[in-house]
């Protein structure tokens, strides 16, 4: 039966995982910060020592940031079919049709662009389609077909969710009529 460890000393076994000359920080002469897993395994070294000044220097370094940034390239908007310069490979719509994160989520979920949303808001005079007293904060849609109806306030949207379910509505009306 062979021994579990060979005849190397503990120091030479440790040197397999421990570098005698650890790498230096890219921006100062200190030792680079060690990258370890939560369970203690060594994953190597970071490029900086981890101090605030070196971390700030890293984010100001143009050579580092140039690699992270996507260069704009020409693309055609899926909504208006006009050419635009995309900032990411996954970008599908131009900044005119979908200018911010909220309108992008609205476009993904309901299929309406910012211009369509603003037109719906203008048609409703900036008020909820049902109560006509509060500004709308939700896009109402049919859950079975996905078709967009109108813009609603929070209260009307919550109440309408119960009305959408016709079987529940019939039971609720029957219950109310009993008492």
Foldseek 3Di string as FASTA:
>chain_A
DDDPDDPDDPVVVVCVQPPPDADAAPPDGHHFAWDADPVGHTPHGDNHNPDPVSVVVQVVDPVNVVVVWADWDWDAAPPPRHIDTDRDPPDRHDCVFAVDDVQVVCCVQQNHTPVRQVVLCVVLVQAAPPPRPHGFDDFDAQPVVSHTDGTHHPVVNVVVVQVSPPVSVVVVVVVVVVD
